[in-house]
Amino acid sequence: MRIAEKLASSIGKGLVAGLAGTAAMTLSSTLEARLRHRAPSSAPARTTAKALGITSFEKDIAQARFNDLSHWGYGTGWGIVRGLLSAAGLPPSAATLAHGAAVWGSEQVALPALDIAPPAIFWAPREIAIDAFHHTVYAVATGIAFELLSNAPGARTKGRNKAS
């Protein structure tokens, strides 16, 4: 398989896998929020709005929709990184670990830098564990989805079609 073809395939599978990982993280965080009787996180909308220079929304529903769009777009987009790590030749477990570390690490830098949340050293240990858990759910689900897509009948591996 040519390099451009391998990259395009890995990026495409990464996007689909990132969408699946985002769905898994959404499920875990929604269940956790309900169990703890807390409101859904507004961090995705606040982060994206701040990065884009958006200062307010006309209606609460507009902010909620923007939050959903930010959350799903962010998680799906990070799937590209998972695809590129695979294209670079990392074994699946190493790619999943590196992907998870990059996603969670970027959150730990971006949220304090944009004044959305304090640095994690000021969080309660339980909150750090919950946040790490949700990001682990995302990375593992994205990794599993990526590998399922890569090993599906008809998927190309090492330049040959598995079905042939």
Protein backbone atom coordinates (compact mmCIF):
# COMPACT_ATOMS: atom_id res chain seq x y z
CA MET A 1 0.00 0.00 0.00
CA ARG A 2 1.39 3.40 -0.93
CA ILE A 3 2.18 5.86 1.87
CA ALA A 4 -0.58 8.33 0.90
CA GLU A 5 -3.10 5.50 0.68
CA LYS A 6 -2.03 4.15 4.09
CA LEU A 7 -2.28 7.61 5.66
CA ALA A 8 -5.70 8.28 4.17
CA SER A 9 -6.95 4.88 5.31
CA SER A 10 -5.55 5.36 8.81
CA ILE A 11 -7.02 8.86 9.10
CA GLY A 12 -10.44 7.68 7.90
CA LYS A 13 -10.47 4.72 10.28
CA GLY A 14 -9.24 7.04 13.03
CA LEU A 15 -12.16 9.42 12.50
CA VAL A 16 -14.70 6.60 12.68
CA ALA A 17 -12.92 5.12 15.71
CA GLY A 18 -12.82 8.57 17.36
CA LEU A 19 -16.58 8.85 16.87
CA ALA A 20 -17.04 5.44 18.54
CA GLY A 21 -14.72 6.44 21.39
CA THR A 22 -16.65 9.67 21.87
CA ALA A 23 -19.89 7.70 22.07
CA ALA A 24 -18.38 5.45 24.75
CA MET A 25 -17.07 8.43 26.74
CA THR A 26 -20.43 10.18 26.41
CA LEU A 27 -22.13 7.11 27.83
CA SER A 28 -19.70 6.81 30.74
CA SER A 29 -19.83 10.50 31.64
CA THR A 30 -23.62 10.68 31.29
CA LEU A 31 -24.08 7.69 33.60
CA GLU A 32 -21.58 9.11 36.09
CA ALA A 33 -23.28 12.53 36.05
CA ARG A 34 -26.67 10.96 36.73
CA LEU A 35 -25.31 8.77 39.52
CA ARG A 36 -23.66 11.78 41.15
CA HIS A 37 -26.60 14.12 40.44
CA ARG A 38 -24.42 16.66 38.67
CA ALA A 39 -25.07 18.71 35.56
CA PRO A 40 -23.42 17.65 32.29
CA SER A 41 -20.04 19.22 31.68
CA SER A 42 -20.01 22.53 29.85
CA ALA A 43 -16.22 22.47 29.46
CA PRO A 44 -16.30 21.56 25.74
CA ALA A 45 -18.42 24.61 24.83
CA ARG A 46 -16.53 26.96 27.15
CA THR A 47 -13.17 25.79 25.81
CA THR A 48 -14.13 25.95 22.14
CA ALA A 49 -15.93 29.28 22.57
CA LYS A 50 -12.91 30.79 24.31
CA ALA A 51 -10.52 29.46 21.65
CA LEU A 52 -12.75 30.92 18.90
CA GLY A 53 -13.41 34.23 20.68
CA ILE A 54 -17.13 33.57 21.22
CA THR A 55 -18.20 35.51 24.31
CA SER A 56 -21.87 34.55 24.67
CA PHE A 57 -24.82 32.70 23.21
CA GLU A 58 -28.27 34.17 22.63
CA LYS A 59 -30.06 31.20 24.15
CA ASP A 60 -29.19 28.34 26.49
CA ILE A 61 -30.21 25.83 23.81
CA ALA A 62 -27.64 27.36 21.44
CA GLN A 63 -24.93 26.89 24.06
CA ALA A 64 -26.07 23.29 24.70
CA ARG A 65 -25.94 22.51 20.98
CA PHE A 66 -22.53 24.16 20.70
CA ASN A 67 -21.38 22.06 23.66
CA ASP A 68 -22.52 18.86 21.93
CA LEU A 69 -20.90 19.90 18.66
CA SER A 70 -17.65 20.76 20.45
CA HIS A 71 -17.62 17.49 22.41
CA TRP A 72 -18.36 15.25 19.41
CA GLY A 73 -16.08 17.19 17.07
CA TYR A 74 -13.19 17.16 19.53
CA GLY A 75 -13.42 13.44 20.26
CA THR A 76 -13.94 12.47 16.64
CA GLY A 77 -11.05 14.69 15.53
CA TRP A 78 -8.68 13.19 18.08
CA GLY A 79 -9.33 9.85 16.38
CA ILE A 80 -7.03 11.10 13.61
CA VAL A 81 -4.14 10.95 16.07
CA ARG A 82 -4.98 7.32 16.84
CA GLY A 83 -4.93 6.55 13.13
CA LEU A 84 -1.60 8.30 12.61
CA LEU A 85 -0.02 6.46 15.54
CA SER A 86 -1.03 3.20 13.90
CA ALA A 87 0.23 4.36 10.51
CA ALA A 88 3.56 5.19 12.17
CA GLY A 89 3.87 1.53 13.09
CA LEU A 90 3.07 1.56 16.80
CA PRO A 91 1.59 -1.70 18.05
CA PRO A 92 -2.12 -1.38 18.96
CA SER A 93 -1.63 -1.27 22.74
CA ALA A 94 1.16 1.33 22.49
CA ALA A 95 -0.90 3.42 20.05
CA THR A 96 -3.88 3.34 22.41
CA LEU A 97 -1.72 4.30 25.40
CA ALA A 98 -0.03 7.14 23.51
CA HIS A 99 -3.37 8.35 22.15
CA GLY A 100 -4.97 8.35 25.60
CA ALA A 101 -2.00 10.17 27.11
CA ALA A 102 -2.09 12.80 24.35
CA VAL A 103 -5.83 13.43 24.73
CA TRP A 104 -5.82 13.60 28.52
CA GLY A 105 -2.53 15.51 28.61
CA SER A 106 -3.84 18.13 26.20
CA GLU A 107 -6.90 18.60 28.40
CA GLN A 108 -4.68 19.08 31.43
CA VAL A 109 -2.78 21.83 29.61
CA ALA A 110 -5.60 23.50 27.66
CA LEU A 111 -8.23 23.85 30.39
CA PRO A 112 -5.99 25.79 32.82
CA ALA A 113 -4.39 27.76 29.96
CA LEU A 114 -7.83 28.92 28.80
CA ASP A 115 -8.95 29.49 32.41
CA ILE A 116 -11.71 26.87 32.09
CA ALA A 117 -10.56 24.75 35.04
CA PRO A 118 -7.74 24.92 37.57
CA PRO A 119 -4.72 22.66 37.12
CA ALA A 120 -5.41 19.09 38.22
CA ILE A 121 -3.12 19.47 41.24
CA PHE A 122 -5.94 21.55 42.74
CA TRP A 123 -8.63 18.93 42.02
CA ALA A 124 -9.83 16.41 44.56
CA PRO A 125 -8.21 12.99 43.98
CA ARG A 126 -11.65 11.50 43.25
CA GLU A 127 -12.25 14.06 40.48
CA ILE A 128 -8.88 13.28 38.91
CA ALA A 129 -9.69 9.56 38.98
CA ILE A 130 -13.12 10.11 37.41
CA ASP A 131 -11.68 12.34 34.67
CA ALA A 132 -8.90 9.83 33.99
CA PHE A 133 -11.48 7.02 33.86
CA HIS A 134 -13.61 8.80 31.23
CA HIS A 135 -10.55 9.52 29.10
CA THR A 136 -9.44 5.89 29.45
CA VAL A 137 -12.88 4.76 28.28
CA TYR A 138 -12.47 7.06 25.26
CA ALA A 139 -8.95 5.86 24.38
CA VAL A 140 -9.70 2.16 24.83
CA ALA A 141 -12.97 2.33 22.89
CA THR A 142 -11.25 4.30 20.11
CA GLY A 143 -8.42 1.74 20.02
CA ILE A 144 -10.81 -1.21 19.88
CA ALA A 145 -12.88 0.43 17.14
CA PHE A 146 -9.73 1.23 15.15
CA GLU A 147 -8.51 -2.36 15.37
CA LEU A 148 -11.92 -3.74 14.43
CA LEU A 149 -11.97 -1.48 11.38
CA SER A 150 -8.41 -2.47 10.49
CA ASN A 151 -9.11 -6.18 10.80
CA ALA A 152 -12.55 -6.23 9.19
CA PRO A 153 -13.05 -8.48 6.15
CA GLY A 154 -11.78 -6.58 3.15
CA ALA A 155 -9.50 -4.30 5.20
CA ARG A 156 -6.04 -3.90 3.79
CA THR A 157 -3.10 -5.04 5.88
CA LYS A 158 0.56 -4.99 4.91
CA GLY A 159 -0.29 -4.21 1.32
CA ARG A 160 -2.52 -7.24 0.75
CA ASN A 161 -6.24 -7.62 0.96
CA LYS A 162 -7.05 -10.11 3.75
CA ALA A 163 -10.02 -11.45 1.78
CA SER A 164 -7.83 -12.66 -1.07
